[in-house]
C-alpha atoms as a PDB file:
ATOM      1  CA  MET A   1      17.545 -22.017 -55.862  1.00  0.00           C
ATOM      2  CA  ALA A   2      18.468 -18.407 -56.414  1.00  0.00           C
ATOM      3  CA  LEU A   3      15.497 -16.218 -57.177  1.00  0.00           C
ATOM      4  CA  GLY A   4      17.563 -13.340 -58.483  1.00  0.00           C
ATOM      5  CA  PHE A   5      16.368 -10.523 -56.241  1.00  0.00           C
ATOM      6  CA  GLY A   6      19.349  -8.424 -57.200  1.00  0.00           C
ATOM      7  CA  ARG A   7      19.863  -6.757 -60.500  1.00  0.00           C
ATOM      8  CA  THR A   8      19.582  -9.180 -63.420  1.00  0.00           C
ATOM      9  CA  ARG A   9      22.809  -9.251 -65.429  1.00  0.00           C
ATOM     10  CA  HIS A  10      23.197 -11.026 -68.762  1.00  0.00           C
ATOM     11  CA  GLN A  11      25.701 -10.634 -71.554  1.00  0.00           C
ATOM     12  CA  ARG A  12      24.155  -8.713 -74.431  1.00  0.00           C
ATOM     13  CA  GLY A  13      25.340  -7.968 -77.928  1.00  0.00           C
ATOM     14  CA  PRO A  14      25.755  -4.444 -79.319  1.00  0.00           C
ATOM     15  CA  SER A  15      22.053  -4.263 -80.266  1.00  0.00           C
ATOM     16  CA  GLY A  16      20.806  -5.819 -77.027  1.00  0.00           C
ATOM     17  CA  GLU A  17      20.442  -9.401 -78.285  1.00  0.00           C
ATOM     18  CA  MET A  18      20.966 -12.366 -75.945  1.00  0.00           C
ATOM     19  CA  PRO A  19      21.013 -16.147 -76.362  1.00  0.00           C
ATOM     20  CA  LEU A  20      17.634 -17.864 -75.967  1.00  0.00           C
ATOM     21  CA  PHE A  21      18.438 -19.453 -72.611  1.00  0.00           C
ATOM     22  CA  ASP A  22      19.576 -16.100 -71.216  1.00  0.00           C
ATOM     23  CA  HIS A  23      16.251 -14.626 -72.354  1.00  0.00           C
ATOM     24  CA  LEU A  24      14.377 -17.401 -70.548  1.00  0.00           C
ATOM     25  CA  ALA A  25      16.484 -16.942 -67.414  1.00  0.00           C
ATOM     26  CA  GLU A  26      15.810 -13.211 -67.380  1.00  0.00           C
ATOM     27  CA  LEU A  27      12.100 -13.804 -68.014  1.00  0.00           C
ATOM     28  CA  ARG A  28      11.978 -16.181 -65.033  1.00  0.00           C
ATOM     29  CA  SER A  29      13.759 -13.625 -62.863  1.00  0.00           C
ATOM     30  CA  ARG A  30      11.391 -10.822 -63.920  1.00  0.00           C
ATOM     31  CA  LEU A  31       8.299 -12.977 -63.376  1.00  0.00           C
ATOM     32  CA  THR A  32       9.556 -14.051 -59.947  1.00  0.00           C
ATOM     33  CA  LYS A  33      10.058 -10.452 -58.870  1.00  0.00           C
ATOM     34  CA  ALA A  34       6.687  -9.420 -60.291  1.00  0.00           C
ATOM     35  CA  LEU A  35       4.811 -12.242 -58.544  1.00  0.00           C
ATOM     36  CA  LEU A  36       6.660 -11.578 -55.297  1.00  0.00           C
ATOM     37  CA  SER A  37       5.684  -7.899 -55.446  1.00  0.00           C
ATOM     38  CA  VAL A  38       2.043  -8.871 -56.009  1.00  0.00           C
ATOM     39  CA  ALA A  39       2.171 -11.283 -53.056  1.00  0.00           C
ATOM     40  CA  ILE A  40       3.631  -8.570 -50.808  1.00  0.00           C
ATOM     41  CA  GLY A  41       0.971  -6.149 -52.046  1.00  0.00           C
ATOM     42  CA  VAL A  42      -1.786  -8.639 -51.213  1.00  0.00           C
ATOM     43  CA  VAL A  43      -0.386  -9.148 -47.696  1.00  0.00           C
ATOM     44  CA  ILE A  44      -0.247  -5.385 -47.117  1.00  0.00           C
ATOM     45  CA  ALA A  45      -3.782  -4.958 -48.471  1.00  0.00           C
ATOM     46  CA  TRP A  46      -5.010  -7.796 -46.234  1.00  0.00           C
ATOM     47  CA  ASN A  47      -3.637  -5.997 -43.173  1.00  0.00           C
ATOM     48  CA  PHE A  48      -5.232  -2.708 -44.249  1.00  0.00           C
ATOM     49  CA  TYR A  49      -8.520  -4.350 -45.204  1.00  0.00           C
ATOM     50  CA  PRO A  50     -10.690  -2.215 -42.840  1.00  0.00           C
ATOM     51  CA  GLU A  51      -9.375   1.008 -44.383  1.00  0.00           C
ATOM     52  CA  ILE A  52      -9.795  -0.347 -47.930  1.00  0.00           C
ATOM     53  CA  LEU A  53     -13.321  -1.484 -47.101  1.00  0.00           C
ATOM     54  CA  ASP A  54     -14.199   1.985 -45.787  1.00  0.00           C
ATOM     55  CA  TRP A  55     -12.931   3.549 -49.022  1.00  0.00           C
ATOM     56  CA  LEU A  56     -14.764   0.983 -51.128  1.00  0.00           C
ATOM     57  CA  THR A  57     -18.108   1.399 -49.378  1.00  0.00           C
ATOM     58  CA  ALA A  58     -17.877   5.197 -49.057  1.00  0.00           C
ATOM     59  CA  PRO A  59     -19.929   5.785 -52.259  1.00  0.00           C
ATOM     60  CA  TYR A  60     -22.717   3.581 -50.896  1.00  0.00           C
ATOM     61  CA  GLU A  61     -22.656   5.193 -47.457  1.00  0.00           C
ATOM     62  CA  GLN A  62     -22.750   8.602 -49.152  1.00  0.00           C
ATOM     63  CA  VAL A  63     -26.130   7.964 -50.807  1.00  0.00           C
ATOM     64  CA  ARG A  64     -27.649   5.683 -48.186  1.00  0.00           C
ATOM     65  CA  PRO A  65     -29.265   8.516 -46.138  1.00  0.00           C
ATOM     66  CA  ALA A  66     -30.941   9.883 -49.282  1.00  0.00           C
ATOM     67  CA  LEU A  67     -32.325   6.427 -50.080  1.00  0.00           C
ATOM     68  CA  GLU A  68     -33.620   5.975 -46.534  1.00  0.00           C
ATOM     69  CA  ALA A  69     -35.284   9.395 -46.734  1.00  0.00           C
ATOM     70  CA  GLU A  70     -37.250   8.055 -49.707  1.00  0.00           C
ATOM     71  CA  GLY A  71     -38.290   4.991 -47.702  1.00  0.00           C
ATOM     72  CA  ILE A  72     -35.862   2.632 -49.455  1.00  0.00           C
ATOM     73  CA  GLU A  73     -33.905   0.334 -47.173  1.00  0.00           C
ATOM     74  CA  SER A  74     -30.681  -1.279 -48.396  1.00  0.00           C
ATOM     75  CA  GLU A  75     -27.962  -3.377 -46.852  1.00  0.00           C
ATOM     76  CA  LEU A  76     -24.563  -4.661 -47.946  1.00  0.00           C
ATOM     77  CA  ILE A  77     -24.314  -8.385 -47.224  1.00  0.00           C
ATOM     78  CA  VAL A  78     -22.139 -11.441 -47.761  1.00  0.00           C
ATOM     79  CA  SER A  79     -23.743 -14.842 -48.164  1.00  0.00           C
ATOM     80  CA  GLY A  80     -22.545 -18.324 -47.307  1.00  0.00           C
ATOM     81  CA  ILE A  81     -20.171 -19.668 -44.685  1.00  0.00           C
ATOM     82  CA  GLY A  82     -17.055 -18.573 -46.535  1.00  0.00           C
ATOM     83  CA  GLY A  83     -18.561 -15.489 -48.117  1.00  0.00           C
ATOM     84  CA  ALA A  84     -16.811 -12.990 -45.846  1.00  0.00           C
ATOM     85  CA  PHE A  85     -13.424 -14.677 -46.324  1.00  0.00           C
ATOM     86  CA  GLN A  86     -13.824 -14.828 -50.107  1.00  0.00           C
ATOM     87  CA  PHE A  87     -14.820 -11.175 -50.219  1.00  0.00           C
ATOM     88  CA  GLN A  88     -11.818 -10.090 -48.131  1.00  0.00           C
ATOM     89  CA  LEU A  89      -9.477 -12.243 -50.236  1.00  0.00           C
ATOM     90  CA  LYS A  90     -10.824 -10.893 -53.536  1.00  0.00           C
ATOM     91  CA  THR A  91     -10.618  -7.319 -52.259  1.00  0.00           C
ATOM     92  CA  SER A  92      -7.048  -7.847 -51.037  1.00  0.00           C
ATOM     93  CA  VAL A  93      -5.946  -9.392 -54.348  1.00  0.00           C
ATOM     94  CA  ILE A  94      -7.343  -6.488 -56.384  1.00  0.00           C
ATOM     95  CA  ALA A  95      -5.838  -3.922 -54.003  1.00  0.00           C
ATOM     96  CA  GLY A  96      -2.536  -5.821 -53.990  1.00  0.00           C
ATOM     97  CA  LEU A  97      -2.374  -5.759 -57.788  1.00  0.00           C
ATOM     98  CA  VAL A  98      -2.929  -2.007 -57.767  1.00  0.00           C
ATOM     99  CA  LEU A  99      -0.464  -1.424 -54.932  1.00  0.00           C
ATOM    100  CA  SER A 100       2.299  -3.474 -56.569  1.00  0.00           C
ATOM    101  CA  SER A 101       1.619  -2.207 -60.104  1.00  0.00           C
ATOM    102  CA  PRO A 102       4.707   0.083 -60.218  1.00  0.00           C
ATOM    103  CA  VAL A 103       6.938  -2.930 -59.515  1.00  0.00           C
ATOM    104  CA  TRP A 104       5.432  -5.521 -61.858  1.00  0.00           C
ATOM    105  CA  MET A 105       4.958  -2.943 -64.611  1.00  0.00           C
ATOM    106  CA  TRP A 106       8.609  -1.960 -64.265  1.00  0.00           C
ATOM    107  CA  GLN A 107       9.657  -5.624 -64.497  1.00  0.00           C
ATOM    108  CA  LEU A 108       7.699  -5.942 -67.740  1.00  0.00           C
ATOM    109  CA  TRP A 109       9.227  -2.722 -69.059  1.00  0.00           C
ATOM    110  CA  ALA A 110      12.761  -3.736 -68.016  1.00  0.00           C
ATOM    111  CA  PHE A 111      12.427  -7.030 -69.903  1.00  0.00           C
ATOM    112  CA  VAL A 112      11.332  -5.334 -73.136  1.00  0.00           C
ATOM    113  CA  LEU A 113      13.556  -2.235 -72.840  1.00  0.00           C
ATOM    114  CA  PRO A 114      16.862  -3.652 -74.194  1.00  0.00           C
ATOM    115  CA  ALA A 115      15.186  -4.726 -77.454  1.00  0.00           C
ATOM    116  CA  LEU A 116      13.993  -1.199 -78.264  1.00  0.00           C
ATOM    117  CA  HIS A 117      15.854   1.405 -80.290  1.00  0.00           C
ATOM    118  CA  ARG A 118      16.518   4.828 -78.801  1.00  0.00           C
ATOM    119  CA  HIS A 119      13.586   6.534 -80.544  1.00  0.00           C
ATOM    120  CA  GLU A 120      11.302   3.649 -79.538  1.00  0.00           C
ATOM    121  CA  LYS A 121      12.359   4.058 -75.906  1.00  0.00           C
ATOM    122  CA  ARG A 122      11.538   7.774 -76.047  1.00  0.00           C
ATOM    123  CA  ALA A 123       8.152   7.042 -77.612  1.00  0.00           C
ATOM    124  CA  ALA A 124       7.372   4.370 -75.014  1.00  0.00           C
ATOM    125  CA  ALA A 125       8.376   6.694 -72.157  1.00  0.00           C
ATOM    126  CA  LEU A 126       6.185   9.467 -73.571  1.00  0.00           C
ATOM    127  CA  LEU A 127       3.322   6.985 -73.941  1.00  0.00           C
ATOM    128  CA  THR A 128       3.666   5.917 -70.309  1.00  0.00           C
ATOM    129  CA  VAL A 129       3.791   9.503 -69.046  1.00  0.00           C
ATOM    130  CA  THR A 130       0.653  10.302 -71.057  1.00  0.00           C
ATOM    131  CA  CYS A 131      -1.392   7.168 -70.343  1.00  0.00           C
ATOM    132  CA  LEU A 132      -0.893   7.094 -66.586  1.00  0.00           C
ATOM    133  CA  PRO A 133      -2.430  10.514 -65.758  1.00  0.00           C
ATOM    134  CA  LEU A 134      -5.276   9.868 -68.209  1.00  0.00           C
ATOM    135  CA  PHE A 135      -6.053   6.520 -66.592  1.00  0.00           C
ATOM    136  CA  ILE A 136      -5.917   7.966 -63.077  1.00  0.00           C
ATOM    137  CA  GLY A 137      -8.161  10.861 -64.123  1.00  0.00           C
ATOM    138  CA  GLY A 138     -10.638   8.513 -65.787  1.00  0.00           C
ATOM    139  CA  ALA A 139     -10.635   6.193 -62.774  1.00  0.00           C
ATOM    140  CA  TRP A 140     -11.340   9.171 -60.495  1.00  0.00           C
ATOM    141  CA  VAL A 141     -14.329  10.140 -62.664  1.00  0.00           C
ATOM    142  CA  GLY A 142     -15.551   6.537 -62.410  1.00  0.00           C
ATOM    143  CA  TYR A 143     -15.271   6.587 -58.613  1.00  0.00           C
ATOM    144  CA  TRP A 144     -17.031   9.969 -58.502  1.00  0.00           C
ATOM    145  CA  THR A 145     -19.835   8.621 -60.719  1.00  0.00           C
ATOM    146  CA  PHE A 146     -20.220   5.444 -58.674  1.00  0.00           C
ATOM    147  CA  PRO A 147     -22.494   6.842 -55.892  1.00  0.00           C
ATOM    148  CA  LYS A 148     -24.795   8.434 -58.468  1.00  0.00           C
ATOM    149  CA  ALA A 149     -25.191   5.069 -60.193  1.00  0.00           C
ATOM    150  CA  ILE A 150     -25.921   3.368 -56.849  1.00  0.00           C
ATOM    151  CA  GLU A 151     -28.527   5.947 -55.869  1.00  0.00           C
ATOM    152  CA  LEU A 152     -30.272   5.695 -59.220  1.00  0.00           C
ATOM    153  CA  LEU A 153     -30.328   1.899 -59.473  1.00  0.00           C
ATOM    154  CA  VAL A 154     -31.122   1.093 -55.839  1.00  0.00           C
ATOM    155  CA  GLY A 155     -33.772   3.810 -55.992  1.00  0.00           C
ATOM    156  CA  PHE A 156     -35.899   1.573 -58.219  1.00  0.00           C
ATOM    157  CA  ALA A 157     -36.716  -0.614 -55.213  1.00  0.00           C
ATOM    158  CA  PRO A 158     -40.369  -0.151 -54.138  1.00  0.00           C
ATOM    159  CA  GLU A 159     -40.956   1.872 -50.980  1.00  0.00           C
ATOM    160  CA  GLY A 160     -40.797  -0.300 -47.882  1.00  0.00           C
ATOM    161  CA  TRP A 161     -38.662  -2.960 -49.540  1.00  0.00           C
ATOM    162  CA  THR A 162     -35.096  -3.804 -48.512  1.00  0.00           C
ATOM    163  CA  ASN A 163     -32.497  -4.070 -51.266  1.00  0.00           C
ATOM    164  CA  LEU A 164     -29.807  -6.575 -50.266  1.00  0.00           C
ATOM    165  CA  LEU A 165     -26.564  -5.720 -52.058  1.00  0.00           C
ATOM    166  CA  ASN A 166     -24.253  -8.721 -52.346  1.00  0.00           C
ATOM    167  CA  GLY A 167     -20.693  -7.742 -51.437  1.00  0.00           C
ATOM    168  CA  ALA A 168     -19.098  -9.694 -54.311  1.00  0.00           C
ATOM    169  CA  ASP A 169     -21.430  -8.062 -56.844  1.00  0.00           C
ATOM    170  CA  TYR A 170     -20.746  -4.658 -55.314  1.00  0.00           C
ATOM    171  CA  LEU A 171     -16.969  -5.176 -55.627  1.00  0.00           C
ATOM    172  CA  SER A 172     -17.252  -6.332 -59.247  1.00  0.00           C
ATOM    173  CA  PHE A 173     -19.488  -3.369 -60.059  1.00  0.00           C
ATOM    174  CA  ALA A 174     -17.052  -0.892 -58.488  1.00  0.00           C
ATOM    175  CA  THR A 175     -14.039  -2.456 -60.213  1.00  0.00           C
ATOM    176  CA  ARG A 176     -15.721  -2.382 -63.627  1.00  0.00           C
ATOM    177  CA  MET A 177     -16.779   1.229 -63.190  1.00  0.00           C
ATOM    178  CA  ILE A 178     -13.321   2.452 -62.179  1.00  0.00           C
ATOM    179  CA  VAL A 179     -11.355   0.414 -64.748  1.00  0.00           C
ATOM    180  CA  LEU A 180     -13.798   1.169 -67.571  1.00  0.00           C
ATOM    181  CA  PHE A 181     -13.597   4.915 -67.023  1.00  0.00           C
ATOM    182  CA  GLY A 182      -9.801   4.691 -66.806  1.00  0.00           C
ATOM    183  CA  VAL A 183      -9.584   2.776 -70.089  1.00  0.00           C
ATOM    184  CA  GLY A 184     -12.091   5.092 -71.753  1.00  0.00           C
ATOM    185  CA  ALA A 185      -9.818   8.032 -70.987  1.00  0.00           C
ATOM    186  CA  GLN A 186      -7.142   6.525 -73.256  1.00  0.00           C
ATOM    187  CA  ILE A 187      -8.975   7.501 -76.456  1.00  0.00           C
ATOM    188  CA  PRO A 188      -6.670  10.485 -77.206  1.00  0.00           C
ATOM    189  CA  VAL A 189      -3.644   8.196 -77.007  1.00  0.00           C
ATOM    190  CA  VAL A 190      -5.158   5.730 -79.491  1.00  0.00           C
ATOM    191  CA  VAL A 191      -6.154   8.469 -81.944  1.00  0.00           C
ATOM    192  CA  VAL A 192      -2.806  10.270 -81.742  1.00  0.00           C
ATOM    193  CA  ILE A 193      -0.879   7.019 -82.284  1.00  0.00           C
ATOM    194  CA  LEU A 194      -2.987   6.211 -85.353  1.00  0.00           C
ATOM    195  CA  ASN A 195      -2.315   9.713 -86.639  1.00  0.00           C
ATOM    196  CA  ARG A 196       1.434   9.550 -86.003  1.00  0.00           C
ATOM    197  CA  ILE A 197       1.816   6.282 -87.914  1.00  0.00           C
ATOM    198  CA  GLY A 198      -0.185   7.709 -90.807  1.00  0.00           C
ATOM    199  CA  ALA A 199      -3.254   5.496 -90.419  1.00  0.00           C
ATOM    200  CA  VAL A 200      -5.621   8.468 -90.111  1.00  0.00           C
ATOM    201  CA  SER A 201      -5.296  12.185 -90.764  1.00  0.00           C
ATOM    202  CA  GLY A 202      -6.866  15.142 -89.021  1.00  0.00           C
ATOM    203  CA  ALA A 203      -9.095  15.731 -92.060  1.00  0.00           C
ATOM    204  CA  GLN A 204     -10.329  12.132 -91.932  1.00  0.00           C
ATOM    205  CA  LEU A 205     -11.086  12.487 -88.225  1.00  0.00           C
ATOM    206  CA  ILE A 206     -13.163  15.595 -88.924  1.00  0.00           C
ATOM    207  CA  ARG A 207     -15.118  13.881 -91.707  1.00  0.00           C
ATOM    208  CA  SER A 208     -15.703  10.792 -89.554  1.00  0.00           C
ATOM    209  CA  ARG A 209     -16.567  12.757 -86.403  1.00  0.00           C
ATOM    210  CA  PRO A 210     -20.363  12.079 -86.394  1.00  0.00           C
ATOM    211  CA  TRP A 211     -19.878   8.333 -86.785  1.00  0.00           C
ATOM    212  CA  ILE A 212     -17.098   8.189 -84.205  1.00  0.00           C
ATOM    213  CA  ILE A 213     -19.230  10.075 -81.661  1.00  0.00           C
ATOM    214  CA  ILE A 214     -22.092   7.642 -82.313  1.00  0.00           C
ATOM    215  CA  GLY A 215     -19.635   4.769 -81.838  1.00  0.00           C
ATOM    216  CA  ILE A 216     -18.452   6.258 -78.539  1.00  0.00           C
ATOM    217  CA  PHE A 217     -22.013   6.506 -77.243  1.00  0.00           C
ATOM    218  CA  VAL A 218     -22.787   2.936 -78.361  1.00  0.00           C
ATOM    219  CA  PHE A 219     -19.610   1.668 -76.681  1.00  0.00           C
ATOM    220  CA  ALA A 220     -20.442   3.538 -73.465  1.00  0.00           C
ATOM    221  CA  ALA A 221     -23.994   2.169 -73.453  1.00  0.00           C
ATOM    222  CA  ILE A 222     -22.755  -1.419 -73.877  1.00  0.00           C
ATOM    223  CA  ALA A 223     -19.693  -1.256 -71.639  1.00  0.00           C
ATOM    224  CA  THR A 224     -21.125   0.452 -68.558  1.00  0.00           C
ATOM    225  CA  PRO A 225     -22.288  -2.081 -65.958  1.00  0.00           C
ATOM    226  CA  THR A 226     -25.596  -0.239 -65.474  1.00  0.00           C
ATOM    227  CA  VAL A 227     -28.710   0.201 -67.588  1.00  0.00           C
ATOM    228  CA  ASP A 228     -29.383   3.810 -66.607  1.00  0.00           C
ATOM    229  CA  PRO A 229     -28.685   6.666 -69.047  1.00  0.00           C
ATOM    230  CA  VAL A 230     -26.901   8.814 -66.463  1.00  0.00           C
ATOM    231  CA  THR A 231     -23.897   6.537 -65.918  1.00  0.00           C
ATOM    232  CA  PHE A 232     -23.306   5.918 -69.599  1.00  0.00           C
ATOM    233  CA  LEU A 233     -23.484   9.674 -70.273  1.00  0.00           C
ATOM    234  CA  PHE A 234     -20.841  10.253 -67.588  1.00  0.00           C
ATOM    235  CA  LEU A 235     -18.587   7.984 -69.674  1.00  0.00           C
ATOM    236  CA  ALA A 236     -19.654   9.006 -73.196  1.00  0.00           C
ATOM    237  CA  ILE A 237     -19.446  12.790 -72.746  1.00  0.00           C
ATOM    238  CA  PRO A 238     -15.845  12.883 -71.384  1.00  0.00           C
ATOM    239  CA  MET A 239     -14.775  10.375 -74.059  1.00  0.00           C
ATOM    240  CA  SER A 240     -16.293  12.623 -76.733  1.00  0.00           C
ATOM    241  CA  GLY A 241     -14.488  15.635 -75.264  1.00  0.00           C
ATOM    242  CA  LEU A 242     -11.206  13.735 -75.251  1.00  0.00           C
ATOM    243  CA  TYR A 243     -11.820  12.767 -78.873  1.00  0.00           C
ATOM    244  CA  PHE A 244     -12.157  16.447 -79.811  1.00  0.00           C
ATOM    245  CA  VAL A 245      -8.850  17.136 -78.032  1.00  0.00           C
ATOM    246  CA  SER A 246      -7.126  14.316 -79.914  1.00  0.00           C
ATOM    247  CA  GLU A 247      -8.618  15.630 -83.167  1.00  0.00           C
ATOM    248  CA  ILE A 248      -6.997  19.027 -82.544  1.00  0.00           C
ATOM    249  CA  ILE A 249      -3.660  17.359 -81.754  1.00  0.00           C
ATOM    250  CA  ALA A 250      -3.894  15.334 -84.979  1.00  0.00           C
ATOM    251  CA  ARG A 251      -4.550  18.466 -87.048  1.00  0.00           C
ATOM    252  CA  VAL A 252      -1.577  20.265 -85.478  1.00  0.00           C
ATOM    253  CA  THR A 253       0.608  17.210 -86.139  1.00  0.00           C
ATOM    254  CA  ASP A 254      -0.536  17.093 -89.762  1.00  0.00           C
ATOM    255  CA  ARG A 255       0.379  20.760 -90.267  1.00  0.00           C
ATOM    256  CA  ARG A 256       3.854  20.225 -88.817  1.00  0.00           C
ATOM    257  CA  ARG A 257       4.358  17.126 -90.947  1.00  0.00           C
ATOM    258  CA  SER A 258       3.206  18.990 -94.056  1.00  0.00           C
ATOM    259  CA  ARG A 259       5.611  21.880 -93.392  1.00  0.00           C
ATOM    260  CA  ALA A 260       8.479  19.461 -92.802  1.00  0.00           C
ATOM    261  CA  GLU A 261       7.762  17.571 -96.031  1.00  0.00           C
ATOM    262  CA  SER A 262       7.486  20.840 -97.960  1.00  0.00           C
ATOM    263  CA  SER A 263      10.844  21.987 -96.616  1.00  0.00           C
ATOM    264  CA  TRP A 264      12.398  18.643 -97.537  1.00  0.00           C
ATOM    265  CA  ASP A 265      10.997  18.836-101.097  1.00  0.00           C
ATOM    266  CA  ASP A 266      12.448  22.346-101.526  1.00  0.00           C
ATOM    267  CA  GLU A 267      15.878  21.101-100.493  1.00  0.00           C
ATOM    268  CA  GLN A 268      15.668  18.208-102.933  1.00  0.00           C
ATOM    269  CA  ALA A 269      14.584  20.503-105.769  1.00  0.00           C
ATOM    270  CA  SER A 270      17.345  23.097-105.240  1.00  0.00           C
ATOM    271  CA  PRO A 271      19.788  23.064-108.201  1.00  0.00           C
ATOM    272  CA  LEU A 272      23.409  22.222-107.650  1.00  0.00           C
ATOM    273  CA  ASP A 273      26.002  24.556-109.155  1.00  0.00           C
ATOM    274  CA  ALA A 274      28.072  22.713-111.728  1.00  0.00           C
ATOM    275  CA  PRO A 275      31.874  23.018-111.525  1.00  0.00           C
ATOM    276  CA  GLU A 276      33.361  25.572-113.915  1.00  0.00           C
ATOM    277  CA  GLY A 277      35.240  22.924-115.817  1.00  0.00           C
ATOM    278  CA  LEU A 278      32.032  21.019-116.609  1.00  0.00           C
ATOM    279  CA  ALA A 279      29.860  24.054-117.328  1.00  0.00           C
ATOM    280  CA  ASP A 280      30.850  24.266-121.034  1.00  0.00           C
END
C-alpha cells in the first residue's frame, strides 16, 4: 500500500474544493506523514536519552547543593520493575513530539491551507509567526522558574529527612511548568484577535483592566502545579505585562480603524457634480 511520502496531488476546483474521497485520501496521507515524523522523532529522542535526561534534571541539580547545605537530602528515583523503562519511554515520546513538531504542524497546515482565502492565509501566517516566539519565550521562563519552584517546595522537608522525588512526577511537573508558561504567553494574541474582530475595544479593555488582572492572578494560582506564591507570581506578572502590551496594540488598532472609517464616511458624503444638462 502506498503511503504517499511524496507530494500529495489532488485535483482541486478554482476555489480549492475537492471531492469527499479525495479529501479523505489527502487526510490519510497527511496523518501518515505526521505519525511517521513523530515515530522518527521518538527514535531519535530515545537514542539521545542521556543528553535529554541531563537537560531535564539540570534544574534539580542546580539547586541540590543549596538544599544539602540546609541539611535537606533529596533523590530522584524510579519505582517498580518497569519504572525506568516507562520513564525513558515517556520522556522519549514527549521529546519526539517536540522534535517532530515542525513536520506534523506543517502537515496540519498544508491540509487546511487550500480552503483558506488569500487574506486568511496572510492572517494565519502572521498568527504563526507571532505565536511561536511567544510560546518559546514563555516556555523558557517556565524552565528558568523550574529550579526556584523545586528549591522552595523540596525545602519544606524537615532537616535530616530525605525527599524522594519520583521520576514520573518530576517529568509531569516539568512538562506542565514549561507548557503552561508557553500557553500563558499567548494572551496578547487572544486579546488582539478579539479586538480585530470587533469583540472588544481598547476602551473596554481599559475599563475592564482591574477585573482582567484579577482573573489572570486567579488563573495563575489555579493552573500552576505548585502551591507556593513565588511560582504563580512568575506566571501572573509576565501575563499581566503582556496584557498591558496587548491593550496598547488594541488602542492603536482602534485609532487606525476610526481614522479609516472617518475617511470612508467623508468620501461617501462628498457631493457629486451634476451634468450641465440636468442642472436646470
